[in-house]
Amino acid sequence: MSMRSDWKDFIDRWKVLTFYQRFEQLVTLVLSALLIVVVLAAMWNLFLRVMVGLVIEGALDPTDHAVFQAVFGAIFTVIIALEFKRSIVVSVETHDTVFHVRTVVLVALLAMLRKFIILDLDKTDAATIAALAFATLALGGIYWIIRRQDREAIVQGRRVADRD
């Protein structure tokens, strides 16, 4: 599609939106723009950390556990921001005003994974690790339930469509 046809489609859709739907669309667009800034800043920080520390100065030892945690923690920060940005873009493109719980849980699972990667086991007590593990299992269970319900809804929708 050309830029002109995309703009025309946007204007046509905008005309039929209610005031509140327009407000929600504007908020999601602003959030999307802010997340672009966050992703670019995180990427720049990661780039500088790796290039200056590893390549130029040689001070960044990738075999060092703390360095590994810091670099992969920064990488997962970028991944989490990108996933959150994608969920906003999907919301705007589908004109859906509600973020899907599945996406929120997935972003939370990514954040928990990042936490486990950067966790210093020498300084973290067992209760904290157990609580994080329980929270991860709970989020995983919620994600499984949501996906199962989505699949059942799709199957039921197909059955209804087959009867009609």
C-alpha atoms as a PDB file:
ATOM      1  CA  MET A   1       0.000   0.000   0.000  1.00  0.00           C
ATOM      2  CA  SER A   2       1.127   3.508  -0.682  1.00  0.00           C
ATOM      3  CA  MET A   3       1.505   6.156   1.951  1.00  0.00           C
ATOM      4  CA  ARG A   4      -1.376   8.098   0.425  1.00  0.00           C
ATOM      5  CA  SER A   5      -3.793   5.152   0.610  1.00  0.00           C
ATOM      6  CA  ASP A   6      -2.702   4.412   4.194  1.00  0.00           C
ATOM      7  CA  TRP A   7      -3.392   8.026   5.142  1.00  0.00           C
ATOM      8  CA  LYS A   8      -6.791   7.927   3.379  1.00  0.00           C
ATOM      9  CA  ASP A   9      -7.712   4.713   5.226  1.00  0.00           C
ATOM     10  CA  PHE A  10      -6.667   6.305   8.515  1.00  0.00           C
ATOM     11  CA  ILE A  11      -8.831   9.378   7.860  1.00  0.00           C
ATOM     12  CA  ASP A  12     -11.815   7.197   6.854  1.00  0.00           C
ATOM     13  CA  ARG A  13     -11.516   5.158  10.052  1.00  0.00           C
ATOM     14  CA  TRP A  14     -10.946   8.270  12.172  1.00  0.00           C
ATOM     15  CA  LYS A  15     -14.250   9.792  10.990  1.00  0.00           C
ATOM     16  CA  VAL A  16     -16.320   6.926  12.385  1.00  0.00           C
ATOM     17  CA  LEU A  17     -14.640   6.796  15.794  1.00  0.00           C
ATOM     18  CA  THR A  18     -16.310   8.210  18.877  1.00  0.00           C
ATOM     19  CA  PHE A  19     -14.599  10.908  20.911  1.00  0.00           C
ATOM     20  CA  TYR A  20     -13.351   8.391  23.454  1.00  0.00           C
ATOM     21  CA  GLN A  21     -12.101   5.993  20.772  1.00  0.00           C
ATOM     22  CA  ARG A  22     -10.151   8.874  19.226  1.00  0.00           C
ATOM     23  CA  PHE A  23      -8.721   9.663  22.643  1.00  0.00           C
ATOM     24  CA  GLU A  24      -7.635   6.038  23.093  1.00  0.00           C
ATOM     25  CA  GLN A  25      -6.056   5.962  19.629  1.00  0.00           C
ATOM     26  CA  LEU A  26      -4.120   9.163  20.385  1.00  0.00           C
ATOM     27  CA  VAL A  27      -2.913   7.764  23.715  1.00  0.00           C
ATOM     28  CA  THR A  28      -1.715   4.550  22.091  1.00  0.00           C
ATOM     29  CA  LEU A  29       0.067   6.514  19.359  1.00  0.00           C
ATOM     30  CA  VAL A  30       1.818   8.689  21.956  1.00  0.00           C
ATOM     31  CA  LEU A  31       2.776   5.592  23.970  1.00  0.00           C
ATOM     32  CA  SER A  32       4.083   4.017  20.796  1.00  0.00           C
ATOM     33  CA  ALA A  33       6.227   7.056  20.032  1.00  0.00           C
ATOM     34  CA  LEU A  34       7.583   7.121  23.583  1.00  0.00           C
ATOM     35  CA  LEU A  35       8.425   3.425  23.406  1.00  0.00           C
ATOM     36  CA  ILE A  36      10.326   4.036  20.178  1.00  0.00           C
ATOM     37  CA  VAL A  37      12.449   6.556  22.086  1.00  0.00           C
ATOM     38  CA  VAL A  38      12.968   4.062  24.929  1.00  0.00           C
ATOM     39  CA  VAL A  39      13.974   1.268  22.523  1.00  0.00           C
ATOM     40  CA  LEU A  40      16.386   3.542  20.672  1.00  0.00           C
ATOM     41  CA  ALA A  41      17.938   4.724  23.956  1.00  0.00           C
ATOM     42  CA  ALA A  42      18.263   1.162  25.231  1.00  0.00           C
ATOM     43  CA  MET A  43      19.820   0.042  21.950  1.00  0.00           C
ATOM     44  CA  TRP A  44      22.260   2.964  22.001  1.00  0.00           C
ATOM     45  CA  ASN A  45      23.223   2.176  25.603  1.00  0.00           C
ATOM     46  CA  LEU A  46      23.686  -1.506  24.749  1.00  0.00           C
ATOM     47  CA  PHE A  47      25.682  -0.640  21.638  1.00  0.00           C
ATOM     48  CA  LEU A  48      27.983   1.668  23.593  1.00  0.00           C
ATOM     49  CA  ARG A  49      28.388  -0.833  26.419  1.00  0.00           C
ATOM     50  CA  VAL A  50      29.369  -3.650  24.075  1.00  0.00           C
ATOM     51  CA  MET A  51      31.380  -1.663  21.533  1.00  0.00           C
ATOM     52  CA  VAL A  52      33.303   0.515  23.981  1.00  0.00           C
ATOM     53  CA  GLY A  53      33.683  -2.059  26.713  1.00  0.00           C
ATOM     54  CA  LEU A  54      34.334  -5.136  24.594  1.00  0.00           C
ATOM     55  CA  VAL A  55      35.808  -4.011  21.319  1.00  0.00           C
ATOM     56  CA  ILE A  56      37.571  -0.692  21.955  1.00  0.00           C
ATOM     57  CA  GLU A  57      38.762  -0.916  25.566  1.00  0.00           C
ATOM     58  CA  GLY A  58      38.802  -4.686  25.845  1.00  0.00           C
ATOM     59  CA  ALA A  59      37.680  -4.285  29.459  1.00  0.00           C
ATOM     60  CA  LEU A  60      34.414  -6.146  28.956  1.00  0.00           C
ATOM     61  CA  ASP A  61      35.075  -9.844  29.465  1.00  0.00           C
ATOM     62  CA  PRO A  62      32.136 -11.809  28.041  1.00  0.00           C
ATOM     63  CA  THR A  63      33.131 -14.871  30.062  1.00  0.00           C
ATOM     64  CA  ASP A  64      32.725 -12.941  33.318  1.00  0.00           C
ATOM     65  CA  HIS A  65      29.399 -13.858  34.940  1.00  0.00           C
ATOM     66  CA  ALA A  66      28.568 -10.265  35.947  1.00  0.00           C
ATOM     67  CA  VAL A  67      29.296  -8.963  32.443  1.00  0.00           C
ATOM     68  CA  PHE A  68      27.189 -11.729  30.906  1.00  0.00           C
ATOM     69  CA  GLN A  69      24.314 -10.836  33.213  1.00  0.00           C
ATOM     70  CA  ALA A  70      24.586  -7.127  32.450  1.00  0.00           C
ATOM     71  CA  VAL A  71      24.740  -7.553  28.671  1.00  0.00           C
ATOM     72  CA  PHE A  72      21.917 -10.094  28.468  1.00  0.00           C
ATOM     73  CA  GLY A  73      19.860  -8.067  30.930  1.00  0.00           C
ATOM     74  CA  ALA A  74      20.202  -5.093  28.581  1.00  0.00           C
ATOM     75  CA  ILE A  75      19.294  -7.277  25.587  1.00  0.00           C
ATOM     76  CA  PHE A  76      16.167  -8.535  27.337  1.00  0.00           C
ATOM     77  CA  THR A  77      15.235  -4.969  28.261  1.00  0.00           C
ATOM     78  CA  VAL A  78      15.209  -4.151  24.555  1.00  0.00           C
ATOM     79  CA  ILE A  79      13.215  -7.314  23.757  1.00  0.00           C
ATOM     80  CA  ILE A  80      10.632  -6.498  26.431  1.00  0.00           C
ATOM     81  CA  ALA A  81      10.262  -2.940  25.142  1.00  0.00           C
ATOM     82  CA  LEU A  82       9.898  -4.219  21.563  1.00  0.00           C
ATOM     83  CA  GLU A  83       7.224  -6.723  22.570  1.00  0.00           C
ATOM     84  CA  PHE A  84       5.341  -4.045  24.456  1.00  0.00           C
ATOM     85  CA  LYS A  85       5.680  -1.712  21.447  1.00  0.00           C
ATOM     86  CA  ARG A  86       4.377  -4.452  19.153  1.00  0.00           C
ATOM     87  CA  SER A  87       1.331  -4.961  21.351  1.00  0.00           C
ATOM     88  CA  ILE A  88       0.556  -1.255  21.108  1.00  0.00           C
ATOM     89  CA  VAL A  89       0.979  -1.277  17.314  1.00  0.00           C
ATOM     90  CA  VAL A  90      -1.319  -4.312  17.012  1.00  0.00           C
ATOM     91  CA  SER A  91      -3.880  -2.536  19.170  1.00  0.00           C
ATOM     92  CA  VAL A  92      -3.776   0.525  16.907  1.00  0.00           C
ATOM     93  CA  GLU A  93      -3.851  -1.491  13.668  1.00  0.00           C
ATOM     94  CA  THR A  94      -6.779  -3.664  14.743  1.00  0.00           C
ATOM     95  CA  HIS A  95      -8.575  -0.677  16.281  1.00  0.00           C
ATOM     96  CA  ASP A  96      -8.855  -2.694  19.450  1.00  0.00           C
ATOM     97  CA  THR A  97      -9.073  -0.410  22.444  1.00  0.00           C
ATOM     98  CA  VAL A  98      -8.244  -3.093  25.002  1.00  0.00           C
ATOM     99  CA  PHE A  99      -4.836  -4.684  25.335  1.00  0.00           C
ATOM    100  CA  HIS A 100      -5.066  -8.427  25.361  1.00  0.00           C
ATOM    101  CA  VAL A 101      -4.312 -10.021  28.699  1.00  0.00           C
ATOM    102  CA  ARG A 102      -2.264 -12.653  26.869  1.00  0.00           C
ATOM    103  CA  THR A 103       0.162  -9.973  25.664  1.00  0.00           C
ATOM    104  CA  VAL A 104       0.462  -8.411  29.114  1.00  0.00           C
ATOM    105  CA  VAL A 105       1.178 -11.820  30.674  1.00  0.00           C
ATOM    106  CA  LEU A 106       3.733 -12.574  27.955  1.00  0.00           C
ATOM    107  CA  VAL A 107       5.549  -9.293  28.631  1.00  0.00           C
ATOM    108  CA  ALA A 108       5.475 -10.103  32.365  1.00  0.00           C
ATOM    109  CA  LEU A 109       6.984 -13.533  31.642  1.00  0.00           C
ATOM    110  CA  LEU A 110       9.744 -11.890  29.602  1.00  0.00           C
ATOM    111  CA  ALA A 111      10.408  -9.522  32.508  1.00  0.00           C
ATOM    112  CA  MET A 112      10.617 -12.480  34.901  1.00  0.00           C
ATOM    113  CA  LEU A 113      13.036 -14.226  32.546  1.00  0.00           C
ATOM    114  CA  ARG A 114      15.172 -11.097  32.483  1.00  0.00           C
ATOM    115  CA  LYS A 115      15.101 -11.017  36.281  1.00  0.00           C
ATOM    116  CA  PHE A 116      16.288 -14.626  36.489  1.00  0.00           C
ATOM    117  CA  ILE A 117      19.129 -13.909  34.063  1.00  0.00           C
ATOM    118  CA  ILE A 118      20.430 -10.892  35.979  1.00  0.00           C
ATOM    119  CA  LEU A 119      19.822 -12.418  39.406  1.00  0.00           C
ATOM    120  CA  ASP A 120      22.958 -12.709  41.522  1.00  0.00           C
ATOM    121  CA  LEU A 121      22.540 -16.016  43.314  1.00  0.00           C
ATOM    122  CA  ASP A 122      25.249 -15.175  45.862  1.00  0.00           C
ATOM    123  CA  LYS A 123      23.323 -12.129  47.103  1.00  0.00           C
ATOM    124  CA  THR A 124      19.757 -13.429  46.766  1.00  0.00           C
ATOM    125  CA  ASP A 125      18.126 -15.429  49.517  1.00  0.00           C
ATOM    126  CA  ALA A 126      16.166 -18.613  48.912  1.00  0.00           C
ATOM    127  CA  ALA A 127      12.821 -17.039  49.792  1.00  0.00           C
ATOM    128  CA  THR A 128      13.210 -14.434  47.046  1.00  0.00           C
ATOM    129  CA  ILE A 129      14.137 -17.090  44.498  1.00  0.00           C
ATOM    130  CA  ALA A 130      11.162 -19.202  45.568  1.00  0.00           C
ATOM    131  CA  ALA A 131       8.815 -16.218  45.296  1.00  0.00           C
ATOM    132  CA  LEU A 132      10.114 -15.404  41.805  1.00  0.00           C
ATOM    133  CA  ALA A 133       9.745 -19.041  40.781  1.00  0.00           C
ATOM    134  CA  PHE A 134       6.180 -19.143  42.110  1.00  0.00           C
ATOM    135  CA  ALA A 135       5.311 -15.914  40.288  1.00  0.00           C
ATOM    136  CA  THR A 136       6.772 -17.327  37.075  1.00  0.00           C
ATOM    137  CA  LEU A 137       4.797 -20.544  37.430  1.00  0.00           C
ATOM    138  CA  ALA A 138       1.624 -18.567  38.127  1.00  0.00           C
ATOM    139  CA  LEU A 139       2.155 -16.377  35.064  1.00  0.00           C
ATOM    140  CA  GLY A 140       2.912 -19.462  32.977  1.00  0.00           C
ATOM    141  CA  GLY A 141      -0.295 -21.088  34.183  1.00  0.00           C
ATOM    142  CA  ILE A 142      -2.311 -17.988  33.392  1.00  0.00           C
ATOM    143  CA  TYR A 143      -0.746 -17.802  29.935  1.00  0.00           C
ATOM    144  CA  TRP A 144      -1.571 -21.479  29.306  1.00  0.00           C
ATOM    145  CA  ILE A 145      -5.191 -20.982  30.396  1.00  0.00           C
ATOM    146  CA  ILE A 146      -5.589 -17.919  28.169  1.00  0.00           C
ATOM    147  CA  ARG A 147      -4.115 -19.673  25.131  1.00  0.00           C
ATOM    148  CA  ARG A 148      -6.339 -22.687  25.747  1.00  0.00           C
ATOM    149  CA  GLN A 149      -9.430 -20.466  25.901  1.00  0.00           C
ATOM    150  CA  ASP A 150      -8.369 -18.670  22.713  1.00  0.00           C
ATOM    151  CA  ARG A 151      -7.950 -21.978  20.908  1.00  0.00           C
ATOM    152  CA  GLU A 152     -11.346 -23.225  22.113  1.00  0.00           C
ATOM    153  CA  ALA A 153     -12.967 -19.990  20.933  1.00  0.00           C
ATOM    154  CA  ILE A 154     -11.401 -20.408  17.507  1.00  0.00           C
ATOM    155  CA  VAL A 155     -12.582 -24.015  17.244  1.00  0.00           C
ATOM    156  CA  GLN A 156     -16.110 -23.080  18.340  1.00  0.00           C
ATOM    157  CA  GLY A 157     -16.137 -20.188  15.852  1.00  0.00           C
ATOM    158  CA  ARG A 158     -15.230 -22.560  13.041  1.00  0.00           C
ATOM    159  CA  ARG A 159     -17.933 -25.006  14.073  1.00  0.00           C
ATOM    160  CA  VAL A 160     -20.520 -22.220  14.052  1.00  0.00           C
ATOM    161  CA  ALA A 161     -19.291 -21.031  10.656  1.00  0.00           C
ATOM    162  CA  ASP A 162     -19.505 -24.604   9.299  1.00  0.00           C
ATOM    163  CA  ARG A 163     -23.180 -24.889  10.352  1.00  0.00           C
ATOM    164  CA  ASP A 164     -24.207 -21.585   8.745  1.00  0.00           C
END
